[in-house]
Amino acid sequence: MKTWQVSLRYALILAFVAFLCTLLSVSIYFLTKDRIEAVVTQQQRTLLAQVIPTAYFDNDLLSSCYQPNHKNLLAQRISSICIARKQQQISAYVFETTAPNGYSGNIRLLVAVTPEREVLGVRVLEHKETPGLGDKIELRISNWILTFNQQKLTSENLSDWAVKKDGGKFDQFSGATITPRAVVNQVKLAALALFDALEQGDNL
């Protein structure tokens, strides 16, 4: 058998194998697509439920989420907003934002606030902070993140919205002030941007 015939034969075999692998991958994708989407949706609903009590809304909270285009919200790294409604009235906003100045980089946060400027809850979605120090922002490590619950953010108490080392009322961690400072500051700045936009009657 000539060299080119051998090469052609192996090329055809490889092409057939590649076709079978592609067909198998596509089949698996379509067989598991709905299940994967259902799992992802449930995970998203679980996260939302951690920051906003179910008593605050009767709408499909997940379907109300969207990406904002307001320049001030984007400037404060608010990447998505969900609107909670109770009897067709807006009862709360849940937004995702990112603190850019953690000790080891970005810290993704989920925050729920009411139109009356009350924080319902905050959770950390992602971070790269030092284990044993900065990772205390995670609820599974400590209850520190719960100190945001039922805290109000007004023009009269802005100075309270800082870690105690900076004159505020939020605890810092022993040997790790940068991480909680980044979280407190980002929650404050992002929430203020949202409240200001609402007061001005802007479309979010």
N, C-alpha and C. Protein backbone atom coordinates (compact mmCIF):
# COMPACT_ATOMS: atom_id res chain seq x y z
N MET A 1 0.85 -1.20 0.00
CA MET A 1 0.00 0.00 0.00
C MET A 1 0.89 1.25 0.00
N LYS A 2 0.55 2.19 -0.82
CA LYS A 2 1.36 3.39 -0.94
C LYS A 2 1.19 4.28 0.29
N THR A 3 2.22 5.14 0.46
CA THR A 3 2.23 6.01 1.65
C THR A 3 1.00 6.90 1.71
N TRP A 4 0.64 7.48 0.57
CA TRP A 4 -0.51 8.40 0.58
C TRP A 4 -1.81 7.66 0.90
N GLN A 5 -1.90 6.39 0.51
CA GLN A 5 -3.09 5.60 0.82
C GLN A 5 -3.19 5.30 2.32
N VAL A 6 -2.01 5.01 2.92
CA VAL A 6 -1.97 4.77 4.37
C VAL A 6 -2.38 6.03 5.12
N SER A 7 -1.82 7.17 4.67
CA SER A 7 -2.13 8.45 5.32
C SER A 7 -3.62 8.76 5.20
N LEU A 8 -4.17 8.52 3.99
CA LEU A 8 -5.59 8.78 3.78
C LEU A 8 -6.46 7.89 4.66
N ARG A 9 -6.04 6.64 4.78
CA ARG A 9 -6.79 5.70 5.61
C ARG A 9 -6.84 6.15 7.06
N TYR A 10 -5.69 6.53 7.61
CA TYR A 10 -5.65 6.98 9.01
C TYR A 10 -6.39 8.30 9.20
N ALA A 11 -6.33 9.14 8.19
CA ALA A 11 -7.04 10.42 8.26
C ALA A 11 -8.55 10.19 8.33
N LEU A 12 -9.02 9.24 7.52
CA LEU A 12 -10.44 8.91 7.53
C LEU A 12 -10.86 8.30 8.87
N ILE A 13 -9.99 7.44 9.41
CA ILE A 13 -10.30 6.84 10.71
C ILE A 13 -10.38 7.91 11.80
N LEU A 14 -9.41 8.82 11.80
CA LEU A 14 -9.41 9.90 12.80
C LEU A 14 -10.63 10.80 12.64
N ALA A 15 -10.99 11.07 11.38
CA ALA A 15 -12.16 11.91 11.14
C ALA A 15 -13.42 11.23 11.65
N PHE A 16 -13.51 9.91 11.45
CA PHE A 16 -14.68 9.16 11.90
C PHE A 16 -14.76 9.14 13.43
N VAL A 17 -13.62 8.96 14.07
CA VAL A 17 -13.57 8.97 15.53
C VAL A 17 -13.97 10.34 16.07
N ALA A 18 -13.45 11.39 15.41
CA ALA A 18 -13.79 12.75 15.83
C ALA A 18 -15.28 13.00 15.68
N PHE A 19 -15.86 12.49 14.59
CA PHE A 19 -17.29 12.65 14.36
C PHE A 19 -18.10 11.96 15.45
N LEU A 20 -17.68 10.72 15.80
CA LEU A 20 -18.37 9.99 16.85
C LEU A 20 -18.30 10.70 18.20
N CYS A 21 -17.09 11.26 18.51
CA CYS A 21 -16.92 11.99 19.78
C CYS A 21 -17.81 13.23 19.82
N THR A 22 -17.86 13.94 18.69
CA THR A 22 -18.70 15.14 18.61
C THR A 22 -20.17 14.78 18.77
N LEU A 23 -20.58 13.70 18.09
CA LEU A 23 -21.96 13.26 18.19
C LEU A 23 -22.31 12.86 19.62
N LEU A 24 -21.38 12.17 20.28
CA LEU A 24 -21.61 11.76 21.66
C LEU A 24 -21.72 12.98 22.58
N SER A 25 -20.83 13.97 22.39
CA SER A 25 -20.84 15.17 23.22
C SER A 25 -22.13 15.95 23.04
N VAL A 26 -22.56 16.09 21.80
CA VAL A 26 -23.81 16.82 21.52
C VAL A 26 -24.99 16.10 22.14
N SER A 27 -25.00 14.78 22.03
CA SER A 27 -26.09 13.99 22.60
C SER A 27 -26.16 14.15 24.12
N ILE A 28 -24.99 14.08 24.76
CA ILE A 28 -24.94 14.24 26.22
C ILE A 28 -25.41 15.63 26.63
N TYR A 29 -24.99 16.64 25.84
CA TYR A 29 -25.40 18.03 26.15
C TYR A 29 -26.91 18.17 26.13
N PHE A 30 -27.55 17.68 25.07
CA PHE A 30 -28.99 17.82 24.96
C PHE A 30 -29.74 16.97 25.98
N LEU A 31 -29.14 15.84 26.36
CA LEU A 31 -29.77 14.98 27.36
C LEU A 31 -29.71 15.59 28.76
N THR A 32 -28.64 16.35 29.03
CA THR A 32 -28.44 16.90 30.38
C THR A 32 -28.71 18.39 30.47
N LYS A 33 -28.98 19.05 29.35
CA LYS A 33 -29.15 20.50 29.31
C LYS A 33 -30.22 20.99 30.29
N ASP A 34 -31.40 20.38 30.22
CA ASP A 34 -32.49 20.83 31.10
C ASP A 34 -32.16 20.59 32.57
N ARG A 35 -31.52 19.47 32.85
CA ARG A 35 -31.17 19.16 34.23
C ARG A 35 -30.14 20.15 34.77
N ILE A 36 -29.14 20.48 33.95
CA ILE A 36 -28.11 21.44 34.36
C ILE A 36 -28.73 22.81 34.60
N GLU A 37 -29.60 23.24 33.69
CA GLU A 37 -30.26 24.54 33.84
C GLU A 37 -31.11 24.58 35.10
N ALA A 38 -31.76 23.46 35.41
CA ALA A 38 -32.58 23.39 36.62
C ALA A 38 -31.72 23.52 37.87
N VAL A 39 -30.56 22.87 37.86
CA VAL A 39 -29.65 22.94 39.01
C VAL A 39 -29.12 24.36 39.19
N VAL A 40 -28.72 24.99 38.08
CA VAL A 40 -28.20 26.36 38.14
C VAL A 40 -29.28 27.30 38.66
N THR A 41 -30.49 27.14 38.16
CA THR A 41 -31.60 28.00 38.59
C THR A 41 -31.86 27.83 40.09
N GLN A 42 -31.83 26.59 40.56
CA GLN A 42 -32.05 26.35 41.98
C GLN A 42 -30.95 26.96 42.82
N GLN A 43 -29.72 26.88 42.36
CA GLN A 43 -28.60 27.49 43.08
C GLN A 43 -28.77 29.00 43.16
N GLN A 44 -29.22 29.61 42.07
CA GLN A 44 -29.44 31.06 42.06
C GLN A 44 -30.57 31.45 43.03
N ARG A 45 -31.63 30.66 43.03
CA ARG A 45 -32.73 30.95 43.95
C ARG A 45 -32.28 30.80 45.41
N THR A 46 -31.45 29.81 45.66
CA THR A 46 -30.94 29.59 47.01
C THR A 46 -30.10 30.78 47.47
N LEU A 47 -29.26 31.30 46.58
CA LEU A 47 -28.44 32.46 46.92
C LEU A 47 -29.31 33.68 47.22
N LEU A 48 -30.31 33.91 46.39
CA LEU A 48 -31.19 35.04 46.61
C LEU A 48 -31.92 34.91 47.94
N ALA A 49 -32.33 33.70 48.27
CA ALA A 49 -33.06 33.47 49.53
C ALA A 49 -32.19 33.73 50.75
N GLN A 50 -30.87 33.70 50.57
CA GLN A 50 -29.98 33.96 51.71
C GLN A 50 -29.92 35.44 52.07
N VAL A 51 -30.23 36.32 51.12
CA VAL A 51 -30.13 37.75 51.42
C VAL A 51 -31.48 38.45 51.53
N ILE A 52 -32.53 37.82 51.02
CA ILE A 52 -33.85 38.46 51.11
C ILE A 52 -34.88 37.44 51.58
N PRO A 53 -35.54 37.72 52.71
CA PRO A 53 -36.57 36.80 53.22
C PRO A 53 -37.71 36.64 52.22
N THR A 54 -38.27 35.46 52.14
CA THR A 54 -39.35 35.20 51.19
C THR A 54 -40.60 36.04 51.49
N ALA A 55 -40.71 36.50 52.71
CA ALA A 55 -41.87 37.33 53.07
C ALA A 55 -41.85 38.68 52.37
N TYR A 56 -40.71 39.04 51.79
CA TYR A 56 -40.59 40.34 51.14
C TYR A 56 -41.08 40.35 49.70
N PHE A 57 -41.36 39.21 49.12
CA PHE A 57 -41.76 39.22 47.71
C PHE A 57 -42.71 38.08 47.39
N ASP A 58 -43.55 38.31 46.38
CA ASP A 58 -44.44 37.27 45.87
C ASP A 58 -44.30 37.12 44.36
N ASN A 59 -43.32 37.81 43.77
CA ASN A 59 -43.06 37.66 42.35
C ASN A 59 -41.95 36.64 42.12
N ASP A 60 -41.71 36.30 40.87
CA ASP A 60 -40.61 35.41 40.52
C ASP A 60 -39.35 36.26 40.52
N LEU A 61 -38.64 36.24 41.61
CA LEU A 61 -37.50 37.14 41.79
C LEU A 61 -36.42 36.92 40.73
N LEU A 62 -36.17 35.68 40.42
CA LEU A 62 -35.10 35.37 39.47
C LEU A 62 -35.39 35.93 38.08
N SER A 63 -36.65 35.87 37.67
CA SER A 63 -37.00 36.36 36.33
C SER A 63 -37.01 37.88 36.26
N SER A 64 -36.91 38.54 37.42
CA SER A 64 -36.90 40.01 37.43
C SER A 64 -35.50 40.59 37.31
N CYS A 65 -34.49 39.73 37.25
CA CYS A 65 -33.10 40.20 37.23
C CYS A 65 -32.70 40.70 35.85
N TYR A 66 -31.86 41.73 35.83
CA TYR A 66 -31.38 42.29 34.57
C TYR A 66 -30.05 43.00 34.80
N GLN A 67 -29.39 43.35 33.73
CA GLN A 67 -28.13 44.10 33.80
C GLN A 67 -28.44 45.58 33.69
N PRO A 68 -28.00 46.39 34.65
CA PRO A 68 -28.30 47.82 34.61
C PRO A 68 -27.46 48.54 33.55
N ASN A 69 -27.96 49.69 33.12
CA ASN A 69 -27.19 50.51 32.18
C ASN A 69 -26.94 51.92 32.72
N HIS A 70 -27.33 52.13 33.97
CA HIS A 70 -27.12 53.43 34.61
C HIS A 70 -25.62 53.62 34.87
N LYS A 71 -25.07 54.73 34.43
CA LYS A 71 -23.61 54.92 34.49
C LYS A 71 -23.08 54.92 35.93
N ASN A 72 -23.83 55.46 36.87
CA ASN A 72 -23.36 55.48 38.26
C ASN A 72 -23.36 54.09 38.89
N LEU A 73 -24.32 53.28 38.50
CA LEU A 73 -24.36 51.91 39.01
C LEU A 73 -23.23 51.09 38.42
N LEU A 74 -22.98 51.29 37.14
CA LEU A 74 -21.87 50.59 36.50
C LEU A 74 -20.54 51.05 37.09
N ALA A 75 -20.45 52.34 37.43
CA ALA A 75 -19.22 52.86 38.03
C ALA A 75 -18.94 52.22 39.38
N GLN A 76 -19.99 51.84 40.09
CA GLN A 76 -19.84 51.18 41.38
C GLN A 76 -19.89 49.65 41.23
N ARG A 77 -19.67 49.18 40.01
CA ARG A 77 -19.52 47.75 39.72
C ARG A 77 -20.76 46.93 40.09
N ILE A 78 -21.92 47.50 39.87
CA ILE A 78 -23.16 46.75 40.03
C ILE A 78 -23.44 46.08 38.69
N SER A 79 -23.37 44.77 38.67
CA SER A 79 -23.47 44.05 37.40
C SER A 79 -24.86 43.48 37.12
N SER A 80 -25.67 43.33 38.16
CA SER A 80 -27.04 42.85 37.96
C SER A 80 -27.93 43.32 39.10
N ILE A 81 -29.22 43.47 38.78
CA ILE A 81 -30.21 43.91 39.76
C ILE A 81 -31.45 43.03 39.63
N CYS A 82 -31.99 42.60 40.76
CA CYS A 82 -33.26 41.87 40.79
C CYS A 82 -34.24 42.71 41.61
N ILE A 83 -35.47 42.77 41.15
CA ILE A 83 -36.47 43.60 41.83
C ILE A 83 -37.50 42.72 42.52
N ALA A 84 -37.61 42.86 43.83
CA ALA A 84 -38.59 42.11 44.61
C ALA A 84 -39.87 42.93 44.72
N ARG A 85 -40.98 42.27 44.49
CA ARG A 85 -42.28 42.95 44.60
C ARG A 85 -43.20 42.18 45.53
N LYS A 86 -43.97 42.92 46.29
CA LYS A 86 -44.99 42.35 47.18
C LYS A 86 -46.31 43.02 46.83
N GLN A 87 -47.26 42.25 46.36
CA GLN A 87 -48.55 42.79 45.92
C GLN A 87 -48.33 43.92 44.91
N GLN A 88 -47.43 43.65 43.99
CA GLN A 88 -47.11 44.52 42.85
C GLN A 88 -46.36 45.80 43.24
N GLN A 89 -46.00 45.93 44.50
CA GLN A 89 -45.23 47.09 44.95
C GLN A 89 -43.78 46.66 45.18
N ILE A 90 -42.85 47.50 44.76
CA ILE A 90 -41.43 47.17 44.95
C ILE A 90 -41.11 47.17 46.44
N SER A 91 -40.59 46.06 46.91
CA SER A 91 -40.28 45.92 48.33
C SER A 91 -38.78 45.85 48.61
N ALA A 92 -37.99 45.50 47.60
CA ALA A 92 -36.55 45.39 47.81
C ALA A 92 -35.82 45.27 46.47
N TYR A 93 -34.53 45.50 46.54
CA TYR A 93 -33.65 45.31 45.38
C TYR A 93 -32.52 44.38 45.81
N VAL A 94 -32.18 43.45 44.94
CA VAL A 94 -31.04 42.58 45.18
C VAL A 94 -30.05 42.82 44.05
N PHE A 95 -28.83 43.16 44.40
CA PHE A 95 -27.86 43.44 43.35
C PHE A 95 -26.53 42.74 43.61
N GLU A 96 -25.84 42.47 42.52
CA GLU A 96 -24.50 41.90 42.61
C GLU A 96 -23.49 43.01 42.33
N THR A 97 -22.48 43.07 43.16
CA THR A 97 -21.44 44.08 42.99
C THR A 97 -20.08 43.47 43.34
N THR A 98 -19.03 44.16 42.97
CA THR A 98 -17.69 43.62 43.18
C THR A 98 -16.80 44.64 43.88
N ALA A 99 -16.24 44.25 45.01
CA ALA A 99 -15.24 45.07 45.70
C ALA A 99 -13.90 44.81 45.02
N PRO A 100 -13.28 45.85 44.45
CA PRO A 100 -12.05 45.63 43.69
C PRO A 100 -10.78 45.62 44.53
N ASN A 101 -10.90 45.94 45.80
CA ASN A 101 -9.71 46.17 46.61
C ASN A 101 -9.58 45.23 47.80
N GLY A 102 -9.95 43.98 47.59
CA GLY A 102 -9.69 42.98 48.62
C GLY A 102 -8.20 42.75 48.74
N TYR A 103 -7.79 42.06 49.77
CA TYR A 103 -6.36 41.81 49.98
C TYR A 103 -5.76 41.02 48.82
N SER A 104 -6.56 40.10 48.26
CA SER A 104 -6.06 39.25 47.17
C SER A 104 -6.83 39.45 45.88
N GLY A 105 -7.50 40.59 45.75
CA GLY A 105 -8.21 40.86 44.50
C GLY A 105 -9.69 41.12 44.70
N ASN A 106 -10.46 40.85 43.66
CA ASN A 106 -11.90 41.13 43.66
C ASN A 106 -12.66 40.25 44.65
N ILE A 107 -13.71 40.85 45.22
CA ILE A 107 -14.63 40.12 46.10
C ILE A 107 -16.04 40.36 45.56
N ARG A 108 -16.67 39.32 45.05
CA ARG A 108 -18.02 39.43 44.50
C ARG A 108 -19.04 39.32 45.62
N LEU A 109 -20.01 40.22 45.61
CA LEU A 109 -20.99 40.30 46.69
C LEU A 109 -22.42 40.30 46.16
N LEU A 110 -23.31 39.76 46.95
CA LEU A 110 -24.74 39.84 46.68
C LEU A 110 -25.37 40.61 47.83
N VAL A 111 -26.11 41.66 47.51
CA VAL A 111 -26.64 42.58 48.52
C VAL A 111 -28.13 42.79 48.29
N ALA A 112 -28.91 42.77 49.36
CA ALA A 112 -30.33 43.07 49.28
C ALA A 112 -30.64 44.28 50.14
N VAL A 113 -31.37 45.24 49.56
CA VAL A 113 -31.73 46.46 50.29
C VAL A 113 -33.19 46.80 50.02
N THR A 114 -33.78 47.53 50.93
CA THR A 114 -35.15 48.00 50.74
C THR A 114 -35.12 49.43 50.21
N PRO A 115 -36.22 49.91 49.64
CA PRO A 115 -36.28 51.31 49.21
C PRO A 115 -36.12 52.28 50.37
N GLU A 116 -36.34 51.78 51.60
CA GLU A 116 -36.19 52.62 52.79
C GLU A 116 -34.74 52.63 53.30
N ARG A 117 -33.80 52.14 52.48
CA ARG A 117 -32.37 52.18 52.77
C ARG A 117 -31.94 51.20 53.86
N GLU A 118 -32.68 50.15 54.03
CA GLU A 118 -32.29 49.12 54.99
C GLU A 118 -31.65 47.95 54.25
N VAL A 119 -30.53 47.49 54.77
CA VAL A 119 -29.86 46.32 54.20
C VAL A 119 -30.49 45.07 54.80
N LEU A 120 -30.98 44.21 53.93
CA LEU A 120 -31.60 42.97 54.40
C LEU A 120 -30.58 41.85 54.57
N GLY A 121 -29.57 41.86 53.73
CA GLY A 121 -28.56 40.82 53.83
C GLY A 121 -27.45 41.00 52.82
N VAL A 122 -26.30 40.43 53.13
CA VAL A 122 -25.13 40.46 52.25
C VAL A 122 -24.49 39.07 52.27
N ARG A 123 -24.06 38.60 51.11
CA ARG A 123 -23.33 37.35 51.03
C ARG A 123 -22.15 37.50 50.07
N VAL A 124 -21.10 36.77 50.35
CA VAL A 124 -19.93 36.75 49.47
C VAL A 124 -20.12 35.62 48.46
N LEU A 125 -20.04 35.97 47.17
CA LEU A 125 -20.20 34.99 46.11
C LEU A 125 -18.86 34.37 45.70
N GLU A 126 -17.82 35.19 45.73
CA GLU A 126 -16.51 34.70 45.29
C GLU A 126 -15.42 35.59 45.85
N HIS A 127 -14.31 35.00 46.24
CA HIS A 127 -13.16 35.76 46.74
C HIS A 127 -11.92 34.90 46.68
N LYS A 128 -10.77 35.55 46.89
CA LYS A 128 -9.49 34.85 46.92
C LYS A 128 -8.70 35.27 48.16
N GLU A 129 -9.43 35.61 49.22
CA GLU A 129 -8.78 36.10 50.43
C GLU A 129 -8.07 34.97 51.18
N THR A 130 -7.16 35.36 52.06
CA THR A 130 -6.30 34.41 52.75
C THR A 130 -7.09 33.50 53.69
N PRO A 131 -6.96 32.17 53.52
CA PRO A 131 -7.63 31.24 54.44
C PRO A 131 -7.18 31.47 55.89
N GLY A 132 -8.15 31.46 56.79
CA GLY A 132 -7.84 31.66 58.19
C GLY A 132 -7.80 33.11 58.61
N LEU A 133 -7.82 34.02 57.64
CA LEU A 133 -7.81 35.46 57.94
C LEU A 133 -8.96 36.15 57.21
N GLY A 134 -8.74 36.47 55.94
CA GLY A 134 -9.75 37.18 55.17
C GLY A 134 -10.98 36.37 54.84
N ASP A 135 -10.88 35.05 54.89
CA ASP A 135 -12.03 34.24 54.51
C ASP A 135 -13.14 34.26 55.56
N LYS A 136 -12.95 35.01 56.63
CA LYS A 136 -14.01 35.15 57.64
C LYS A 136 -15.20 35.95 57.12
N ILE A 137 -15.07 36.49 55.91
CA ILE A 137 -16.23 37.15 55.30
C ILE A 137 -17.25 36.12 54.82
N GLU A 138 -16.86 34.86 54.76
CA GLU A 138 -17.78 33.79 54.37
C GLU A 138 -18.62 33.36 55.58
N LEU A 139 -19.90 33.14 55.34
CA LEU A 139 -20.80 32.74 56.43
C LEU A 139 -20.42 31.38 57.00
N ARG A 140 -19.88 30.51 56.17
CA ARG A 140 -19.50 29.18 56.68
C ARG A 140 -18.30 29.24 57.61
N ILE A 141 -17.58 30.36 57.59
CA ILE A 141 -16.40 30.53 58.45
C ILE A 141 -16.75 31.30 59.72
N SER A 142 -17.52 32.38 59.56
CA SER A 142 -17.90 33.20 60.71
C SER A 142 -19.22 33.89 60.43
N ASN A 143 -19.79 34.50 61.47
CA ASN A 143 -21.07 35.21 61.33
C ASN A 143 -20.89 36.70 61.03
N TRP A 144 -19.67 37.10 60.71
CA TRP A 144 -19.39 38.52 60.51
C TRP A 144 -20.30 39.15 59.46
N ILE A 145 -20.55 38.46 58.37
CA ILE A 145 -21.35 39.02 57.28
C ILE A 145 -22.77 39.33 57.72
N LEU A 146 -23.23 38.69 58.79
CA LEU A 146 -24.60 38.92 59.28
C LEU A 146 -24.74 40.27 59.97
N THR A 147 -23.63 40.93 60.28
CA THR A 147 -23.71 42.23 60.95
C THR A 147 -24.32 43.30 60.03
N PHE A 148 -24.43 43.01 58.73
CA PHE A 148 -25.07 43.96 57.81
C PHE A 148 -26.59 43.92 57.91
N ASN A 149 -27.13 42.83 58.42
CA ASN A 149 -28.58 42.66 58.46
C ASN A 149 -29.26 43.77 59.26
N GLN A 150 -30.32 44.34 58.65
CA GLN A 150 -31.14 45.39 59.28
C GLN A 150 -30.37 46.68 59.57
N GLN A 151 -29.23 46.85 58.94
CA GLN A 151 -28.50 48.12 59.08
C GLN A 151 -29.03 49.12 58.06
N LYS A 152 -29.24 50.35 58.50
CA LYS A 152 -29.70 51.40 57.59
C LYS A 152 -28.53 52.24 57.11
N LEU A 153 -28.66 52.74 55.90
CA LEU A 153 -27.61 53.57 55.31
C LEU A 153 -28.23 54.92 54.93
N THR A 154 -27.95 55.92 55.74
CA THR A 154 -28.52 57.25 55.52
C THR A 154 -27.40 58.28 55.49
N SER A 155 -27.77 59.49 55.10
CA SER A 155 -26.77 60.57 55.05
C SER A 155 -26.26 60.92 56.44
N GLU A 156 -27.04 60.57 57.48
CA GLU A 156 -26.65 60.90 58.85
C GLU A 156 -25.69 59.88 59.45
N ASN A 157 -25.62 58.68 58.92
CA ASN A 157 -24.77 57.66 59.56
C ASN A 157 -23.69 57.10 58.64
N LEU A 158 -23.30 57.86 57.63
CA LEU A 158 -22.29 57.38 56.69
C LEU A 158 -20.97 57.04 57.38
N SER A 159 -20.64 57.80 58.42
CA SER A 159 -19.37 57.56 59.11
C SER A 159 -19.37 56.22 59.85
N ASP A 160 -20.57 55.71 60.16
CA ASP A 160 -20.66 54.40 60.81
C ASP A 160 -20.30 53.27 59.85
N TRP A 161 -20.44 53.53 58.57
CA TRP A 161 -20.21 52.50 57.57
C TRP A 161 -18.73 52.39 57.23
N ALA A 162 -18.00 51.88 58.20
CA ALA A 162 -16.56 51.64 58.06
C ALA A 162 -16.18 50.65 59.15
N VAL A 163 -15.02 50.06 59.04
CA VAL A 163 -14.56 49.18 60.12
C VAL A 163 -14.15 50.04 61.31
N LYS A 164 -14.12 49.44 62.48
CA LYS A 164 -13.84 50.20 63.69
C LYS A 164 -12.48 50.88 63.66
N LYS A 165 -11.53 50.27 62.98
CA LYS A 165 -10.20 50.87 62.88
C LYS A 165 -10.25 52.20 62.14
N ASP A 166 -11.29 52.37 61.27
CA ASP A 166 -11.46 53.61 60.52
C ASP A 166 -12.53 54.50 61.13
N GLY A 167 -12.95 54.19 62.36
CA GLY A 167 -13.94 55.01 63.04
C GLY A 167 -15.38 54.57 62.85
N GLY A 168 -15.60 53.43 62.20
CA GLY A 168 -16.95 52.95 61.97
C GLY A 168 -17.40 51.96 63.03
N LYS A 169 -18.46 51.20 62.73
CA LYS A 169 -19.02 50.28 63.72
C LYS A 169 -18.87 48.81 63.35
N PHE A 170 -18.24 48.53 62.20
CA PHE A 170 -18.09 47.13 61.78
C PHE A 170 -16.74 46.58 62.25
N ASP A 171 -16.80 45.38 62.79
CA ASP A 171 -15.57 44.74 63.27
C ASP A 171 -14.61 44.44 62.12
N GLN A 172 -13.32 44.56 62.40
CA GLN A 172 -12.33 44.05 61.48
C GLN A 172 -11.81 42.72 62.02
N PHE A 173 -11.02 42.02 61.23
CA PHE A 173 -10.47 40.74 61.66
C PHE A 173 -9.06 40.95 62.19
N SER A 174 -8.70 40.19 63.18
CA SER A 174 -7.35 40.27 63.71
C SER A 174 -6.35 39.88 62.62
N GLY A 175 -5.49 40.81 62.28
CA GLY A 175 -4.47 40.56 61.26
C GLY A 175 -4.98 40.67 59.85
N ALA A 176 -6.23 41.10 59.67
CA ALA A 176 -6.79 41.19 58.31
C ALA A 176 -7.85 42.29 58.27
N THR A 177 -7.41 43.51 58.20
CA THR A 177 -8.34 44.65 58.15
C THR A 177 -8.77 44.96 56.72
N ILE A 178 -7.89 44.70 55.76
CA ILE A 178 -8.15 45.09 54.37
C ILE A 178 -9.41 44.42 53.83
N THR A 179 -9.59 43.14 54.12
CA THR A 179 -10.72 42.41 53.56
C THR A 179 -12.07 42.94 54.04
N PRO A 180 -12.32 43.03 55.36
CA PRO A 180 -13.61 43.57 55.80
C PRO A 180 -13.80 45.03 55.39
N ARG A 181 -12.72 45.78 55.35
CA ARG A 181 -12.82 47.18 54.90
C ARG A 181 -13.32 47.24 53.46
N ALA A 182 -12.80 46.36 52.62
CA ALA A 182 -13.21 46.34 51.21
C ALA A 182 -14.69 46.00 51.08
N VAL A 183 -15.15 45.04 51.87
CA VAL A 183 -16.55 44.62 51.80
C VAL A 183 -17.48 45.73 52.29
N VAL A 184 -17.17 46.30 53.45
CA VAL A 184 -18.01 47.37 54.01
C VAL A 184 -18.08 48.55 53.05
N ASN A 185 -16.94 48.97 52.54
CA ASN A 185 -16.91 50.12 51.64
C ASN A 185 -17.70 49.86 50.36
N GLN A 186 -17.59 48.65 49.82
CA GLN A 186 -18.29 48.37 48.57
C GLN A 186 -19.79 48.29 48.77
N VAL A 187 -20.23 47.67 49.85
CA VAL A 187 -21.66 47.63 50.15
C VAL A 187 -22.19 49.06 50.29
N LYS A 188 -21.45 49.89 51.00
CA LYS A 188 -21.87 51.29 51.19
C LYS A 188 -21.94 52.04 49.87
N LEU A 189 -20.88 51.99 49.09
CA LEU A 189 -20.81 52.78 47.86
C LEU A 189 -21.83 52.30 46.83
N ALA A 190 -21.96 50.99 46.70
CA ALA A 190 -22.90 50.46 45.71
C ALA A 190 -24.34 50.76 46.12
N ALA A 191 -24.66 50.59 47.40
CA ALA A 191 -26.01 50.87 47.87
C ALA A 191 -26.34 52.36 47.73
N LEU A 192 -25.38 53.22 48.04
CA LEU A 192 -25.59 54.67 47.90
C LEU A 192 -25.87 55.04 46.44
N ALA A 193 -25.15 54.42 45.52
CA ALA A 193 -25.37 54.69 44.10
C ALA A 193 -26.79 54.28 43.69
N LEU A 194 -27.24 53.15 44.21
CA LEU A 194 -28.59 52.69 43.92
C LEU A 194 -29.63 53.63 44.51
N PHE A 195 -29.47 53.99 45.78
CA PHE A 195 -30.42 54.88 46.44
C PHE A 195 -30.48 56.24 45.75
N ASP A 196 -29.33 56.78 45.39
CA ASP A 196 -29.28 58.09 44.72
C ASP A 196 -30.03 58.04 43.39
N ALA A 197 -29.83 56.96 42.65
CA ALA A 197 -30.52 56.83 41.36
C ALA A 197 -32.04 56.75 41.56
N LEU A 198 -32.45 56.03 42.60
CA LEU A 198 -33.88 55.91 42.89
C LEU A 198 -34.48 57.25 43.28
N GLU A 199 -33.76 58.00 44.11
CA GLU A 199 -34.25 59.30 44.56
C GLU A 199 -34.39 60.29 43.40
N GLN A 200 -33.52 60.17 42.42
CA GLN A 200 -33.55 61.05 41.26
C GLN A 200 -34.56 60.59 40.21
N GLY A 201 -35.17 59.44 40.48
CA GLY A 201 -36.16 58.93 39.56
C GLY A 201 -35.58 58.36 38.28
N ASP A 202 -34.30 57.99 38.34
CA ASP A 202 -33.64 57.45 37.15
C ASP A 202 -34.06 56.02 36.88
N ASN A 203 -34.01 55.66 35.62
CA ASN A 203 -34.22 54.26 35.25
C ASN A 203 -32.94 53.49 35.55
N LEU A 204 -33.09 52.40 36.27
CA LEU A 204 -31.92 51.62 36.64
C LEU A 204 -31.51 50.68 35.52
